Amino acid sequence: MQQEISRRTRSALPRDVNQLHLALLRKWFWARKPDAGFLLEGFPATLLQALVLDEWLEARGETLTAVFASETTLVDLVTHYRTQGLIPVSLPAAA
């Protein structure tokens, strides 16, 4: 009996941490009040997450006003947000 419960619980969880982060943030994003300001630390952490966030924002007719990147931010993310004019060109990107 306990093995059956354990098997069901594991299969109901997302397969990787990236999916779990997206699932939790999706729930938060769509539950928040429209046009409520927010600050996300450590998200998006990948280009895929950034593209998903862009889709969510577009679906609600919202945009980002700024993106803060650290020295450890991936080059792909910095490039993505630089093309949107959200990160100054002078900020170096991590390899």
C-alpha atoms as a PDB file:
ATOM      1  CA  MET A   1       0.000   0.000   0.000  1.00  0.00           C
ATOM      2  CA  GLN A   2       2.732   2.480   0.938  1.00  0.00           C
ATOM      3  CA  GLN A   3       4.619   1.735  -2.296  1.00  0.00           C
ATOM      4  CA  GLU A   4       1.479   2.516  -4.307  1.00  0.00           C
ATOM      5  CA  ILE A   5       1.068   5.887  -2.557  1.00  0.00           C
ATOM      6  CA  SER A   6       4.755   6.666  -3.049  1.00  0.00           C
ATOM      7  CA  ARG A   7       4.526   5.790  -6.745  1.00  0.00           C
ATOM      8  CA  ARG A   8       1.489   8.059  -7.241  1.00  0.00           C
ATOM      9  CA  THR A   9       3.085  10.954  -5.381  1.00  0.00           C
ATOM     10  CA  ARG A  10       6.290  10.785  -7.428  1.00  0.00           C
ATOM     11  CA  SER A  11       4.445  10.642 -10.744  1.00  0.00           C
ATOM     12  CA  ALA A  12       2.367  13.701  -9.840  1.00  0.00           C
ATOM     13  CA  LEU A  13       5.476  15.840  -9.322  1.00  0.00           C
ATOM     14  CA  PRO A  14       7.162  17.669 -12.226  1.00  0.00           C
ATOM     15  CA  ARG A  15      10.077  15.716 -13.691  1.00  0.00           C
ATOM     16  CA  ASP A  16      12.724  18.345 -13.065  1.00  0.00           C
ATOM     17  CA  VAL A  17      13.352  21.442 -11.007  1.00  0.00           C
ATOM     18  CA  ASN A  18      12.882  23.734 -14.020  1.00  0.00           C
ATOM     19  CA  GLN A  19       9.328  22.445 -14.497  1.00  0.00           C
ATOM     20  CA  LEU A  20       8.642  22.835 -10.785  1.00  0.00           C
ATOM     21  CA  HIS A  21       9.834  26.460 -10.804  1.00  0.00           C
ATOM     22  CA  LEU A  22       7.714  27.216 -13.857  1.00  0.00           C
ATOM     23  CA  ALA A  23       4.659  25.560 -12.305  1.00  0.00           C
ATOM     24  CA  LEU A  24       4.985  27.498  -9.038  1.00  0.00           C
ATOM     25  CA  LEU A  25       5.640  30.811 -10.761  1.00  0.00           C
ATOM     26  CA  ARG A  26       2.824  30.238 -13.252  1.00  0.00           C
ATOM     27  CA  LYS A  27       0.389  29.769 -10.364  1.00  0.00           C
ATOM     28  CA  TRP A  28       1.695  32.922  -8.650  1.00  0.00           C
ATOM     29  CA  PHE A  29       1.730  34.982 -11.866  1.00  0.00           C
ATOM     30  CA  TRP A  30      -1.850  34.258 -12.853  1.00  0.00           C
ATOM     31  CA  ALA A  31      -3.163  34.660  -9.275  1.00  0.00           C
ATOM     32  CA  ARG A  32      -1.636  38.100  -8.704  1.00  0.00           C
ATOM     33  CA  LYS A  33      -3.559  41.319  -9.328  1.00  0.00           C
ATOM     34  CA  PRO A  34      -3.150  42.744 -12.834  1.00  0.00           C
ATOM     35  CA  ASP A  35      -0.564  45.536 -13.061  1.00  0.00           C
ATOM     36  CA  ALA A  36       0.735  44.767  -9.553  1.00  0.00           C
ATOM     37  CA  GLY A  37       4.457  45.413  -9.425  1.00  0.00           C
ATOM     38  CA  PHE A  38       6.793  42.554  -8.624  1.00  0.00           C
ATOM     39  CA  LEU A  39      10.448  41.672  -8.185  1.00  0.00           C
ATOM     40  CA  LEU A  40      11.697  38.193  -9.002  1.00  0.00           C
ATOM     41  CA  GLU A  41      15.093  37.091  -7.723  1.00  0.00           C
ATOM     42  CA  GLY A  42      16.720  34.191  -9.540  1.00  0.00           C
ATOM     43  CA  PHE A  43      13.943  33.935 -12.117  1.00  0.00           C
ATOM     44  CA  PRO A  44      14.200  33.656 -15.003  1.00  0.00           C
ATOM     45  CA  ALA A  45      17.392  31.660 -14.659  1.00  0.00           C
ATOM     46  CA  THR A  46      17.380  30.227 -18.184  1.00  0.00           C
ATOM     47  CA  LEU A  47      16.490  31.527 -21.615  1.00  0.00           C
ATOM     48  CA  LEU A  48      13.522  29.126 -21.724  1.00  0.00           C
ATOM     49  CA  GLN A  49      12.168  30.599 -18.485  1.00  0.00           C
ATOM     50  CA  ALA A  50      12.647  34.114 -19.881  1.00  0.00           C
ATOM     51  CA  LEU A  51      10.693  33.244 -23.018  1.00  0.00           C
ATOM     52  CA  VAL A  52       7.884  31.716 -20.946  1.00  0.00           C
ATOM     53  CA  LEU A  53       7.739  34.832 -18.751  1.00  0.00           C
ATOM     54  CA  ASP A  54       7.588  36.976 -21.910  1.00  0.00           C
ATOM     55  CA  GLU A  55       4.590  34.952 -23.110  1.00  0.00           C
ATOM     56  CA  TRP A  56       2.802  35.342 -19.769  1.00  0.00           C
ATOM     57  CA  LEU A  57       3.409  39.099 -19.763  1.00  0.00           C
ATOM     58  CA  GLU A  58       2.221  39.426 -23.352  1.00  0.00           C
ATOM     59  CA  ALA A  59      -0.952  37.451 -22.585  1.00  0.00           C
ATOM     60  CA  ARG A  60      -1.798  39.961 -19.829  1.00  0.00           C
ATOM     61  CA  GLY A  61      -0.768  42.998 -21.857  1.00  0.00           C
ATOM     62  CA  GLU A  62       2.065  43.774 -19.440  1.00  0.00           C
ATOM     63  CA  THR A  63       5.751  44.513 -19.946  1.00  0.00           C
ATOM     64  CA  LEU A  64       8.880  44.579 -17.851  1.00  0.00           C
ATOM     65  CA  THR A  65      10.280  48.001 -17.025  1.00  0.00           C
ATOM     66  CA  ALA A  66      13.727  46.856 -15.915  1.00  0.00           C
ATOM     67  CA  VAL A  67      15.901  43.802 -15.483  1.00  0.00           C
ATOM     68  CA  PHE A  68      18.800  43.630 -13.059  1.00  0.00           C
ATOM     69  CA  ALA A  69      21.549  41.174 -13.912  1.00  0.00           C
ATOM     70  CA  SER A  70      24.511  40.109 -11.815  1.00  0.00           C
ATOM     71  CA  GLU A  71      27.946  38.976 -12.945  1.00  0.00           C
ATOM     72  CA  THR A  72      26.694  35.378 -12.871  1.00  0.00           C
ATOM     73  CA  THR A  73      23.707  35.929 -15.180  1.00  0.00           C
ATOM     74  CA  LEU A  74      23.927  33.741 -18.288  1.00  0.00           C
ATOM     75  CA  VAL A  75      25.009  35.389 -21.538  1.00  0.00           C
ATOM     76  CA  ASP A  76      21.807  34.216 -23.274  1.00  0.00           C
ATOM     77  CA  LEU A  77      19.648  35.993 -20.692  1.00  0.00           C
ATOM     78  CA  VAL A  78      21.654  39.202 -20.839  1.00  0.00           C
ATOM     79  CA  THR A  79      21.496  39.181 -24.644  1.00  0.00           C
ATOM     80  CA  HIS A  80      17.742  38.474 -24.587  1.00  0.00           C
ATOM     81  CA  TYR A  81      16.987  41.389 -22.276  1.00  0.00           C
ATOM     82  CA  ARG A  82      19.518  43.714 -23.965  1.00  0.00           C
ATOM     83  CA  THR A  83      17.651  43.276 -27.264  1.00  0.00           C
ATOM     84  CA  GLN A  84      14.523  44.429 -25.420  1.00  0.00           C
ATOM     85  CA  GLY A  85      16.381  47.453 -24.069  1.00  0.00           C
ATOM     86  CA  LEU A  86      16.049  46.309 -20.461  1.00  0.00           C
ATOM     87  CA  ILE A  87      19.762  45.899 -19.618  1.00  0.00           C
ATOM     88  CA  PRO A  88      22.362  48.569 -20.420  1.00  0.00           C
ATOM     89  CA  VAL A  89      25.004  47.501 -22.932  1.00  0.00           C
ATOM     90  CA  SER A  90      27.813  48.369 -20.497  1.00  0.00           C
ATOM     91  CA  LEU A  91      26.941  45.493 -18.121  1.00  0.00           C
ATOM     92  CA  PRO A  92      29.253  42.506 -18.697  1.00  0.00           C
ATOM     93  CA  ALA A  93      27.729  39.045 -19.085  1.00  0.00           C
ATOM     94  CA  ALA A  94      28.993  35.829 -17.522  1.00  0.00           C
ATOM     95  CA  ALA A  95      30.296  33.059 -19.756  1.00  0.00           C
END
